[in-house]
Amino acid sequence: MTPEERKSLTHGEFWIPEAEREVYREALGTLNRAGVRYVVSGLYAINVYTGVYRQTKDLDLLMEPELVVDAARALKDAGFRVELEEPYWLAKAFKGAHIDLIFGMANGIGFIDSSWYAHSRSAVLAATPVRVAPPEELIWHRLFIGERHRFDMADVVHLILHMGARLDWDRLLERVGDDWRLLVSQLQFFDYVYPDHRDRIPEAVRDRLRERDAAEPAARRAVPPVCRGTVLSRYSFAIDVNEWGFEDARREMVTRVRSDPIVSEIRASSVWDG
């Protein structure tokens, strides 16, 4: 770790109830000893970058799909029960507390890739050295969480407030790709929430997004029309696809990732309980 990274650890650990903390310590140590590459995401990662604390009932570990069976096997050998909950993005490990082994996006946008680890930051969780998901990927991931019971716009603007000057904006723009309008909406929200901190977002980034908007051709109606709202929330936009005749953009993406060969390999592994 760099001197700055060591300094950041002196602010204290993310508080976790003792029983859960011991489960997390065992799981993280097991994966470290097994050499399984992962990053910690979720509320702990948000806390590392912003200082915001919210109690959590699970631990989110993100890894490439090629590694999830190895992670599950190492945890199973350590006495955890491991289950494949959603074969295209989520497995779980249980031993009193539970740990999410996340290898894709719930909406089918894609899988966790090597960039999550390559750009991660070092930290300590449950007295164990870990790598924390990079802020750019955290922002990108949270752009797509728009359920009525969970809407992560506050996490996005808090990350921009605290990390804006240090973000790799080029990489974030590359990440959002064709979904750049979601980023625009969050930047507009940031300007509303923090009108005195607009400088956290480089003007060059705003200019590039304005150029994308100006270059986009006039919309041509698809038949049937597409609703992308389902990519953010299956439930809030269910009426669009069930009653109003819109095509479900989420269904197409999920179907595509479900058919990926790596998903078949993960599903076929004998490691899973249940």
C-alpha atoms as a PDB file:
ATOM      1  CA  MET A   1       0.000   0.000   0.000  1.00  0.00           C
ATOM      2  CA  THR A   2       1.075   3.567  -0.639  1.00  0.00           C
ATOM      3  CA  PRO A   3       1.592   5.975   2.296  1.00  0.00           C
ATOM      4  CA  GLU A   4      -1.688   7.657   1.415  1.00  0.00           C
ATOM      5  CA  GLU A   5      -3.509   4.328   1.430  1.00  0.00           C
ATOM      6  CA  ARG A   6      -2.012   3.486   4.843  1.00  0.00           C
ATOM      7  CA  LYS A   7      -3.093   6.884   6.129  1.00  0.00           C
ATOM      8  CA  SER A   8      -6.660   6.288   4.993  1.00  0.00           C
ATOM      9  CA  LEU A   9      -6.904   3.247   7.261  1.00  0.00           C
ATOM     10  CA  THR A  10      -6.422   5.298  10.410  1.00  0.00           C
ATOM     11  CA  HIS A  11      -9.962   6.677  10.255  1.00  0.00           C
ATOM     12  CA  GLY A  12     -11.384   3.463  11.758  1.00  0.00           C
ATOM     13  CA  GLU A  13     -13.084   0.381  10.476  1.00  0.00           C
ATOM     14  CA  PHE A  14     -16.537   0.057   9.003  1.00  0.00           C
ATOM     15  CA  TRP A  15     -18.636  -1.105  11.969  1.00  0.00           C
ATOM     16  CA  ILE A  16     -20.053  -4.607  11.646  1.00  0.00           C
ATOM     17  CA  PRO A  17     -21.722  -6.644  14.413  1.00  0.00           C
ATOM     18  CA  GLU A  18     -19.158  -9.017  15.891  1.00  0.00           C
ATOM     19  CA  ALA A  19     -20.777 -12.280  14.763  1.00  0.00           C
ATOM     20  CA  GLU A  20     -21.060 -11.082  11.169  1.00  0.00           C
ATOM     21  CA  ARG A  21     -17.596  -9.568  11.315  1.00  0.00           C
ATOM     22  CA  GLU A  22     -16.078 -12.962  12.141  1.00  0.00           C
ATOM     23  CA  VAL A  23     -17.910 -14.582   9.213  1.00  0.00           C
ATOM     24  CA  TYR A  24     -16.673 -11.865   6.855  1.00  0.00           C
ATOM     25  CA  ARG A  25     -13.131 -12.164   8.206  1.00  0.00           C
ATOM     26  CA  GLU A  26     -13.166 -15.898   7.601  1.00  0.00           C
ATOM     27  CA  ALA A  27     -14.600 -15.571   4.100  1.00  0.00           C
ATOM     28  CA  LEU A  28     -12.218 -12.816   3.025  1.00  0.00           C
ATOM     29  CA  GLY A  29      -9.213 -14.631   4.470  1.00  0.00           C
ATOM     30  CA  THR A  30     -10.281 -17.831   2.733  1.00  0.00           C
ATOM     31  CA  LEU A  31     -10.497 -16.136  -0.660  1.00  0.00           C
ATOM     32  CA  ASN A  32      -7.203 -14.330  -0.120  1.00  0.00           C
ATOM     33  CA  ARG A  33      -5.404 -17.558   0.730  1.00  0.00           C
ATOM     34  CA  ALA A  34      -6.988 -19.284  -2.267  1.00  0.00           C
ATOM     35  CA  GLY A  35      -5.758 -16.490  -4.544  1.00  0.00           C
ATOM     36  CA  VAL A  36      -9.245 -15.686  -5.813  1.00  0.00           C
ATOM     37  CA  ARG A  37      -9.367 -12.166  -7.230  1.00  0.00           C
ATOM     38  CA  TYR A  38     -12.335 -10.058  -6.014  1.00  0.00           C
ATOM     39  CA  VAL A  39     -13.276  -6.535  -4.999  1.00  0.00           C
ATOM     40  CA  VAL A  40     -15.493  -5.409  -2.151  1.00  0.00           C
ATOM     41  CA  SER A  41     -18.439  -3.313  -3.278  1.00  0.00           C
ATOM     42  CA  GLY A  42     -21.699  -2.250  -1.639  1.00  0.00           C
ATOM     43  CA  LEU A  43     -21.979   0.024   1.375  1.00  0.00           C
ATOM     44  CA  TYR A  44     -18.441  -0.644   2.545  1.00  0.00           C
ATOM     45  CA  ALA A  45     -17.004   0.690  -0.709  1.00  0.00           C
ATOM     46  CA  ILE A  46     -19.241   3.760  -0.508  1.00  0.00           C
ATOM     47  CA  ASN A  47     -17.984   4.339   3.038  1.00  0.00           C
ATOM     48  CA  VAL A  48     -14.347   4.122   1.937  1.00  0.00           C
ATOM     49  CA  TYR A  49     -14.783   6.924  -0.609  1.00  0.00           C
ATOM     50  CA  THR A  50     -17.362   9.150   1.087  1.00  0.00           C
ATOM     51  CA  GLY A  51     -17.420   8.365   4.798  1.00  0.00           C
ATOM     52  CA  VAL A  52     -21.158   7.654   4.561  1.00  0.00           C
ATOM     53  CA  TYR A  53     -22.106   4.806   6.886  1.00  0.00           C
ATOM     54  CA  ARG A  54     -25.198   2.637   6.616  1.00  0.00           C
ATOM     55  CA  GLN A  55     -25.515  -0.712   8.370  1.00  0.00           C
ATOM     56  CA  THR A  56     -25.592  -3.641   5.971  1.00  0.00           C
ATOM     57  CA  LYS A  57     -26.765  -7.227   6.423  1.00  0.00           C
ATOM     58  CA  ASP A  58     -24.510  -8.773   3.812  1.00  0.00           C
ATOM     59  CA  LEU A  59     -21.173  -8.387   2.112  1.00  0.00           C
ATOM     60  CA  ASP A  60     -20.937  -7.764  -1.635  1.00  0.00           C
ATOM     61  CA  LEU A  61     -17.920  -9.324  -3.344  1.00  0.00           C
ATOM     62  CA  LEU A  62     -17.568  -8.751  -7.086  1.00  0.00           C
ATOM     63  CA  MET A  63     -15.513 -10.985  -9.341  1.00  0.00           C
ATOM     64  CA  GLU A  64     -15.227 -12.083 -12.936  1.00  0.00           C
ATOM     65  CA  PRO A  65     -17.579 -14.949 -13.857  1.00  0.00           C
ATOM     66  CA  GLU A  66     -14.599 -17.184 -14.581  1.00  0.00           C
ATOM     67  CA  LEU A  67     -13.663 -16.961 -10.885  1.00  0.00           C
ATOM     68  CA  VAL A  68     -16.991 -17.473  -9.131  1.00  0.00           C
ATOM     69  CA  VAL A  69     -16.802 -21.283  -9.080  1.00  0.00           C
ATOM     70  CA  ASP A  70     -13.284 -21.113  -7.594  1.00  0.00           C
ATOM     71  CA  ALA A  71     -14.567 -18.677  -4.955  1.00  0.00           C
ATOM     72  CA  ALA A  72     -17.520 -20.915  -4.155  1.00  0.00           C
ATOM     73  CA  ARG A  73     -15.316 -23.991  -3.894  1.00  0.00           C
ATOM     74  CA  ALA A  74     -12.859 -22.283  -1.528  1.00  0.00           C
ATOM     75  CA  LEU A  75     -15.710 -21.098   0.696  1.00  0.00           C
ATOM     76  CA  LYS A  76     -17.426 -24.476   0.627  1.00  0.00           C
ATOM     77  CA  ASP A  77     -14.182 -26.161   1.727  1.00  0.00           C
ATOM     78  CA  ALA A  78     -14.151 -23.656   4.624  1.00  0.00           C
ATOM     79  CA  GLY A  79     -17.609 -24.770   5.746  1.00  0.00           C
ATOM     80  CA  PHE A  80     -19.839 -22.297   3.931  1.00  0.00           C
ATOM     81  CA  ARG A  81     -23.004 -23.344   2.132  1.00  0.00           C
ATOM     82  CA  VAL A  82     -22.889 -22.009  -1.434  1.00  0.00           C
ATOM     83  CA  GLU A  83     -25.871 -21.531  -3.711  1.00  0.00           C
ATOM     84  CA  LEU A  84     -26.290 -20.216  -7.233  1.00  0.00           C
ATOM     85  CA  GLU A  85     -29.211 -17.839  -6.923  1.00  0.00           C
ATOM     86  CA  GLU A  86     -29.227 -16.283 -10.403  1.00  0.00           C
ATOM     87  CA  PRO A  87     -27.032 -18.192 -12.866  1.00  0.00           C
ATOM     88  CA  TYR A  88     -26.152 -15.125 -14.921  1.00  0.00           C
ATOM     89  CA  TRP A  89     -25.068 -12.799 -12.101  1.00  0.00           C
ATOM     90  CA  LEU A  90     -25.381 -13.902  -8.443  1.00  0.00           C
ATOM     91  CA  ALA A  91     -24.251 -16.658  -6.075  1.00  0.00           C
ATOM     92  CA  LYS A  92     -24.396 -16.636  -2.278  1.00  0.00           C
ATOM     93  CA  ALA A  93     -22.339 -18.104   0.558  1.00  0.00           C
ATOM     94  CA  PHE A  94     -23.897 -18.747   3.974  1.00  0.00           C
ATOM     95  CA  LYS A  95     -22.405 -19.395   7.402  1.00  0.00           C
ATOM     96  CA  GLY A  96     -24.534 -17.523   9.892  1.00  0.00           C
ATOM     97  CA  ALA A  97     -24.166 -14.313   7.887  1.00  0.00           C
ATOM     98  CA  HIS A  98     -24.284 -14.353   4.109  1.00  0.00           C
ATOM     99  CA  ILE A  99     -22.035 -13.082   1.365  1.00  0.00           C
ATOM    100  CA  ASP A 100     -23.053 -12.171  -2.161  1.00  0.00           C
ATOM    101  CA  LEU A 101     -20.717 -13.386  -4.897  1.00  0.00           C
ATOM    102  CA  ILE A 102     -21.634 -11.057  -7.739  1.00  0.00           C
ATOM    103  CA  PHE A 103     -20.278 -11.707 -11.212  1.00  0.00           C
ATOM    104  CA  GLY A 104     -22.703  -9.801 -13.416  1.00  0.00           C
ATOM    105  CA  MET A 105     -25.351  -7.110 -13.547  1.00  0.00           C
ATOM    106  CA  ALA A 106     -28.907  -8.025 -12.559  1.00  0.00           C
ATOM    107  CA  ASN A 107     -30.313  -6.212 -15.595  1.00  0.00           C
ATOM    108  CA  GLY A 108     -28.151  -8.141 -18.052  1.00  0.00           C
ATOM    109  CA  ILE A 109     -25.952  -5.199 -19.065  1.00  0.00           C
ATOM    110  CA  GLY A 110     -22.947  -7.477 -18.783  1.00  0.00           C
ATOM    111  CA  PHE A 111     -20.495  -9.281 -16.520  1.00  0.00           C
ATOM    112  CA  ILE A 112     -17.952  -8.021 -14.010  1.00  0.00           C
ATOM    113  CA  ASP A 113     -14.687  -7.651 -15.909  1.00  0.00           C
ATOM    114  CA  SER A 114     -11.013  -7.312 -15.048  1.00  0.00           C
ATOM    115  CA  SER A 115     -11.176  -3.504 -14.887  1.00  0.00           C
ATOM    116  CA  TRP A 116     -12.986  -3.700 -11.567  1.00  0.00           C
ATOM    117  CA  TYR A 117      -9.900  -5.269 -10.021  1.00  0.00           C
ATOM    118  CA  ALA A 118      -7.297  -3.454 -12.111  1.00  0.00           C
ATOM    119  CA  HIS A 119      -8.510  -0.040 -10.906  1.00  0.00           C
ATOM    120  CA  SER A 120      -9.461  -1.063  -7.356  1.00  0.00           C
ATOM    121  CA  ARG A 121      -8.031   0.500  -4.180  1.00  0.00           C
ATOM    122  CA  SER A 122      -6.544  -1.259  -1.162  1.00  0.00           C
ATOM    123  CA  ALA A 123      -8.260  -1.142   2.228  1.00  0.00           C
ATOM    124  CA  VAL A 124      -8.943  -3.264   5.306  1.00  0.00           C
ATOM    125  CA  LEU A 125     -12.253  -4.871   6.200  1.00  0.00           C
ATOM    126  CA  ALA A 126     -12.800  -7.116   9.235  1.00  0.00           C
ATOM    127  CA  ALA A 127      -9.052  -6.946   9.953  1.00  0.00           C
ATOM    128  CA  THR A 128      -8.350  -8.376   6.485  1.00  0.00           C
ATOM    129  CA  PRO A 129      -6.596  -6.700   3.527  1.00  0.00           C
ATOM    130  CA  VAL A 130      -9.029  -6.279   0.630  1.00  0.00           C
ATOM    131  CA  ARG A 131      -9.390  -4.456  -2.661  1.00  0.00           C
ATOM    132  CA  VAL A 132     -12.306  -2.042  -2.958  1.00  0.00           C
ATOM    133  CA  ALA A 133     -14.249  -1.476  -6.170  1.00  0.00           C
ATOM    134  CA  PRO A 134     -13.139   1.678  -8.040  1.00  0.00           C
ATOM    135  CA  PRO A 135     -15.373   4.759  -7.740  1.00  0.00           C
ATOM    136  CA  GLU A 136     -15.906   4.992 -11.510  1.00  0.00           C
ATOM    137  CA  GLU A 137     -17.390   1.489 -11.643  1.00  0.00           C
ATOM    138  CA  LEU A 138     -19.431   2.149  -8.504  1.00  0.00           C
ATOM    139  CA  ILE A 139     -21.003   5.180 -10.180  1.00  0.00           C
ATOM    140  CA  TRP A 140     -21.667   3.263 -13.393  1.00  0.00           C
ATOM    141  CA  HIS A 141     -23.207   0.342 -11.512  1.00  0.00           C
ATOM    142  CA  ARG A 142     -25.492   2.587  -9.468  1.00  0.00           C
ATOM    143  CA  LEU A 143     -26.784   4.479 -12.474  1.00  0.00           C
ATOM    144  CA  PHE A 144     -28.949   1.409 -13.166  1.00  0.00           C
ATOM    145  CA  ILE A 145     -30.484   1.015  -9.698  1.00  0.00           C
ATOM    146  CA  GLY A 146     -33.822   2.795  -9.835  1.00  0.00           C
ATOM    147  CA  GLU A 147     -36.327   0.672  -7.937  1.00  0.00           C
ATOM    148  CA  ARG A 148     -38.980   2.361  -5.844  1.00  0.00           C
ATOM    149  CA  HIS A 149     -37.551   0.778  -2.692  1.00  0.00           C
ATOM    150  CA  ARG A 150     -33.942   1.488  -3.690  1.00  0.00           C
ATOM    151  CA  PHE A 151     -32.806   4.426  -5.781  1.00  0.00           C
ATOM    152  CA  ASP A 152     -29.051   5.015  -5.552  1.00  0.00           C
ATOM    153  CA  MET A 153     -28.845   8.602  -6.810  1.00  0.00           C
ATOM    154  CA  ALA A 154     -27.599   9.813  -3.400  1.00  0.00           C
ATOM    155  CA  ASP A 155     -24.662   7.398  -3.556  1.00  0.00           C
ATOM    156  CA  VAL A 156     -23.793   8.656  -7.041  1.00  0.00           C
ATOM    157  CA  VAL A 157     -23.751  12.338  -6.110  1.00  0.00           C
ATOM    158  CA  HIS A 158     -21.884  11.643  -2.861  1.00  0.00           C
ATOM    159  CA  LEU A 159     -19.201   9.828  -4.853  1.00  0.00           C
ATOM    160  CA  ILE A 160     -18.939  12.762  -7.265  1.00  0.00           C
ATOM    161  CA  LEU A 161     -18.790  15.257  -4.386  1.00  0.00           C
ATOM    162  CA  HIS A 162     -15.942  13.448  -2.628  1.00  0.00           C
ATOM    163  CA  MET A 163     -14.109  11.926  -5.582  1.00  0.00           C
ATOM    164  CA  GLY A 164     -14.950  14.184  -8.537  1.00  0.00           C
ATOM    165  CA  ALA A 165     -11.517  15.780  -8.769  1.00  0.00           C
ATOM    166  CA  ARG A 166      -9.856  12.339  -8.720  1.00  0.00           C
ATOM    167  CA  LEU A 167     -12.204  10.406 -10.962  1.00  0.00           C
ATOM    168  CA  ASP A 168     -11.010   9.049 -14.263  1.00  0.00           C
ATOM    169  CA  TRP A 169     -13.805  10.727 -16.193  1.00  0.00           C
ATOM    170  CA  ASP A 170     -12.596   9.347 -19.531  1.00  0.00           C
ATOM    171  CA  ARG A 171     -12.963   5.822 -18.212  1.00  0.00           C
ATOM    172  CA  LEU A 172     -16.353   6.587 -16.694  1.00  0.00           C
ATOM    173  CA  LEU A 173     -17.593   7.971 -20.025  1.00  0.00           C
ATOM    174  CA  GLU A 174     -16.293   4.859 -21.744  1.00  0.00           C
ATOM    175  CA  ARG A 175     -18.094   2.706 -19.172  1.00  0.00           C
ATOM    176  CA  VAL A 176     -21.477   4.347 -19.629  1.00  0.00           C
ATOM    177  CA  GLY A 177     -21.204   4.091 -23.408  1.00  0.00           C
ATOM    178  CA  ASP A 178     -24.608   4.320 -25.071  1.00  0.00           C
ATOM    179  CA  ASP A 179     -26.244   4.825 -21.674  1.00  0.00           C
ATOM    180  CA  TRP A 180     -24.633   8.240 -21.298  1.00  0.00           C
ATOM    181  CA  ARG A 181     -28.000   9.943 -20.796  1.00  0.00           C
ATOM    182  CA  LEU A 182     -28.231   8.226 -17.406  1.00  0.00           C
ATOM    183  CA  LEU A 183     -24.974   9.937 -16.449  1.00  0.00           C
ATOM    184  CA  VAL A 184     -26.274  13.277 -17.725  1.00  0.00           C
ATOM    185  CA  SER A 185     -29.328  12.939 -15.512  1.00  0.00           C
ATOM    186  CA  GLN A 186     -27.132  12.314 -12.466  1.00  0.00           C
ATOM    187  CA  LEU A 187     -24.889  15.275 -13.267  1.00  0.00           C
ATOM    188  CA  GLN A 188     -27.960  17.477 -13.505  1.00  0.00           C
ATOM    189  CA  PHE A 189     -29.102  16.100 -10.165  1.00  0.00           C
ATOM    190  CA  PHE A 190     -25.658  16.814  -8.701  1.00  0.00           C
ATOM    191  CA  ASP A 191     -25.864  20.447  -9.865  1.00  0.00           C
ATOM    192  CA  TYR A 192     -29.227  20.755  -8.148  1.00  0.00           C
ATOM    193  CA  VAL A 193     -28.057  19.197  -4.890  1.00  0.00           C
ATOM    194  CA  TYR A 194     -24.660  20.949  -4.769  1.00  0.00           C
ATOM    195  CA  PRO A 195     -24.996  24.225  -6.720  1.00  0.00           C
ATOM    196  CA  ASP A 196     -21.745  25.549  -5.184  1.00  0.00           C
ATOM    197  CA  HIS A 197     -19.681  22.530  -6.244  1.00  0.00           C
ATOM    198  CA  ARG A 198     -20.235  22.362  -9.969  1.00  0.00           C
ATOM    199  CA  ASP A 199     -16.453  22.357 -10.387  1.00  0.00           C
ATOM    200  CA  ARG A 200     -16.389  18.738  -9.201  1.00  0.00           C
ATOM    201  CA  ILE A 201     -17.433  17.869 -12.763  1.00  0.00           C
ATOM    202  CA  PRO A 202     -14.864  19.029 -15.349  1.00  0.00           C
ATOM    203  CA  GLU A 203     -16.273  21.365 -17.961  1.00  0.00           C
ATOM    204  CA  ALA A 204     -14.668  19.204 -20.628  1.00  0.00           C
ATOM    205  CA  VAL A 205     -16.889  16.320 -19.497  1.00  0.00           C
ATOM    206  CA  ARG A 206     -19.990  18.501 -19.764  1.00  0.00           C
ATOM    207  CA  ASP A 207     -18.866  19.631 -23.223  1.00  0.00           C
ATOM    208  CA  ARG A 208     -18.407  16.053 -24.429  1.00  0.00           C
ATOM    209  CA  LEU A 209     -21.854  15.072 -23.227  1.00  0.00           C
ATOM    210  CA  ARG A 210     -23.405  18.124 -24.884  1.00  0.00           C
ATOM    211  CA  GLU A 211     -21.641  17.151 -28.121  1.00  0.00           C
ATOM    212  CA  ARG A 212     -23.096  13.648 -27.892  1.00  0.00           C
ATOM    213  CA  ASP A 213     -26.537  15.110 -27.452  1.00  0.00           C
ATOM    214  CA  ALA A 214     -26.137  17.439 -30.415  1.00  0.00           C
ATOM    215  CA  ALA A 215     -24.792  14.651 -32.632  1.00  0.00           C
ATOM    216  CA  GLU A 216     -27.566  12.200 -31.850  1.00  0.00           C
ATOM    217  CA  PRO A 217     -29.952  11.894 -34.801  1.00  0.00           C
ATOM    218  CA  ALA A 218     -33.643  12.533 -34.448  1.00  0.00           C
ATOM    219  CA  ALA A 219     -35.398   9.587 -32.853  1.00  0.00           C
ATOM    220  CA  ARG A 220     -36.985   7.070 -35.169  1.00  0.00           C
ATOM    221  CA  ARG A 221     -39.872   5.151 -33.707  1.00  0.00           C
ATOM    222  CA  ALA A 222     -39.312   1.449 -33.267  1.00  0.00           C
ATOM    223  CA  VAL A 223     -42.166  -0.984 -33.787  1.00  0.00           C
ATOM    224  CA  PRO A 224     -43.039  -1.984 -31.170  1.00  0.00           C
ATOM    225  CA  PRO A 225     -41.612   0.947 -29.173  1.00  0.00           C
ATOM    226  CA  VAL A 226     -38.892   0.110 -26.650  1.00  0.00           C
ATOM    227  CA  CYS A 227     -39.010   0.890 -22.931  1.00  0.00           C
ATOM    228  CA  ARG A 228     -35.564   1.142 -21.345  1.00  0.00           C
ATOM    229  CA  GLY A 229     -37.083   1.850 -17.944  1.00  0.00           C
ATOM    230  CA  THR A 230     -37.035  -1.873 -17.194  1.00  0.00           C
ATOM    231  CA  VAL A 231     -33.238  -1.734 -17.231  1.00  0.00           C
ATOM    232  CA  LEU A 232     -33.520   0.441 -14.108  1.00  0.00           C
ATOM    233  CA  SER A 233     -36.560  -1.166 -12.485  1.00  0.00           C
ATOM    234  CA  ARG A 234     -38.442  -4.312 -13.452  1.00  0.00           C
ATOM    235  CA  TYR A 235     -41.350  -3.368 -11.235  1.00  0.00           C
ATOM    236  CA  SER A 236     -41.921   0.323 -11.830  1.00  0.00           C
ATOM    237  CA  PHE A 237     -42.029  -0.206 -15.597  1.00  0.00           C
ATOM    238  CA  ALA A 238     -43.836  -3.539 -15.663  1.00  0.00           C
ATOM    239  CA  ILE A 239     -47.013  -1.792 -16.766  1.00  0.00           C
ATOM    240  CA  ASP A 240     -45.223  -0.456 -19.847  1.00  0.00           C
ATOM    241  CA  VAL A 241     -44.460  -3.920 -21.165  1.00  0.00           C
ATOM    242  CA  ASN A 242     -47.461  -5.770 -19.737  1.00  0.00           C
ATOM    243  CA  GLU A 243     -50.207  -3.339 -20.719  1.00  0.00           C
ATOM    244  CA  TRP A 244     -48.944  -0.496 -22.888  1.00  0.00           C
ATOM    245  CA  GLY A 245     -47.296  -2.470 -25.673  1.00  0.00           C
ATOM    246  CA  PHE A 246     -43.654  -1.511 -25.113  1.00  0.00           C
ATOM    247  CA  GLU A 247     -40.806  -3.903 -25.847  1.00  0.00           C
ATOM    248  CA  ASP A 248     -38.849  -4.864 -22.715  1.00  0.00           C
ATOM    249  CA  ALA A 249     -35.205  -3.780 -23.184  1.00  0.00           C
ATOM    250  CA  ARG A 250     -34.195  -5.684 -20.051  1.00  0.00           C
ATOM    251  CA  ARG A 251     -35.544  -9.006 -21.311  1.00  0.00           C
ATOM    252  CA  GLU A 252     -33.341  -8.873 -24.401  1.00  0.00           C
ATOM    253  CA  MET A 253     -30.201  -8.153 -22.381  1.00  0.00           C
ATOM    254  CA  VAL A 254     -30.900 -10.859 -19.798  1.00  0.00           C
ATOM    255  CA  THR A 255     -31.628 -13.395 -22.541  1.00  0.00           C
ATOM    256  CA  ARG A 256     -28.294 -12.562 -24.170  1.00  0.00           C
ATOM    257  CA  VAL A 257     -26.186 -13.021 -21.017  1.00  0.00           C
ATOM    258  CA  ARG A 258     -28.084 -16.175 -19.987  1.00  0.00           C
ATOM    259  CA  SER A 259     -26.983 -17.768 -23.261  1.00  0.00           C
ATOM    260  CA  ASP A 260     -23.295 -16.972 -22.704  1.00  0.00           C
ATOM    261  CA  PRO A 261     -21.160 -20.150 -22.446  1.00  0.00           C
ATOM    262  CA  ILE A 262     -19.657 -19.031 -19.124  1.00  0.00           C
ATOM    263  CA  VAL A 263     -23.135 -19.067 -17.562  1.00  0.00           C
ATOM    264  CA  SER A 264     -23.603 -22.668 -18.672  1.00  0.00           C
ATOM    265  CA  GLU A 265     -20.250 -23.569 -17.106  1.00  0.00           C
ATOM    266  CA  ILE A 266     -21.151 -21.879 -13.832  1.00  0.00           C
ATOM    267  CA  ARG A 267     -24.559 -23.561 -13.705  1.00  0.00           C
ATOM    268  CA  ALA A 268     -23.102 -27.000 -14.491  1.00  0.00           C
ATOM    269  CA  SER A 269     -20.499 -26.903 -11.689  1.00  0.00           C
ATOM    270  CA  SER A 270     -20.915 -29.511  -8.965  1.00  0.00           C
ATOM    271  CA  VAL A 271     -19.883 -27.036  -6.263  1.00  0.00           C
ATOM    272  CA  TRP A 272     -23.372 -25.668  -5.636  1.00  0.00           C
ATOM    273  CA  ASP A 273     -25.492 -26.810  -2.699  1.00  0.00           C
ATOM    274  CA  GLY A 274     -29.207 -27.240  -3.089  1.00  0.00           C
END
